Amino acid sequence: MIDSKKIVEKLLQQFRFNKVKPFLIGDVLDFGGNEGELKPLVKGNYVLVNYDHSPMFNKTFDTIVLLAVIEHMEVSDVFDSLHTFKNALRKDGHIFLTTPTPSSKFILETLAFFRILDKQNIEEHKHYWNEPELFDLAEKAGYEVVKYKKFQFGLNQYILLKHKKA
């Protein structure tokens, strides 16, 4: 969970919000969305899921968002979650996710060491995904990559996914 009392954490969160904002279409599932800070940007129905996934069951969404979430999950759990989203994502819907790049690891850990970033949050990072791994994840989970882009000087990245055409 993001410690919103830390200015740098809040700034990084706002960077991610600026990237996802154009893709927030219709009803949105905010998976791992902390305290729901994204909600004011959503025009449709908004569902927040952190540790209790039950609010998303038996619902479908136009957009599923995972902002700075998958690096906190085991690789197998990321795959399982994307597989679960297959039924929750509407036919023309999109999944938008951000995750730090491997080149950010040293910088994030250094900032956490000096308490500029939340140390516990950074220590919870289980995997730093690279571009080929994200494309492979999308392929294996049955999604098509619509867009991939690095931002924040290559230290962060996003990928936009949609259902793979049959």
Foldseek 3Di string as FASTA:
>chain_A
DFPVVQPVSVVVVVVQLVVCLVQQDAEEEEEQVPPCPSVVSHPHHYHYHYPDPVVQPPAAGQEYEAEQHCQLDDPVVVLVVLLVNVVRYDQNHKYKYKHFAPVCLVVVCVCCVVPSGVVVSSVSGDDHDHDVRVCVSQVVSQWDWPDKDADPVNGMIMTMIHHDDD
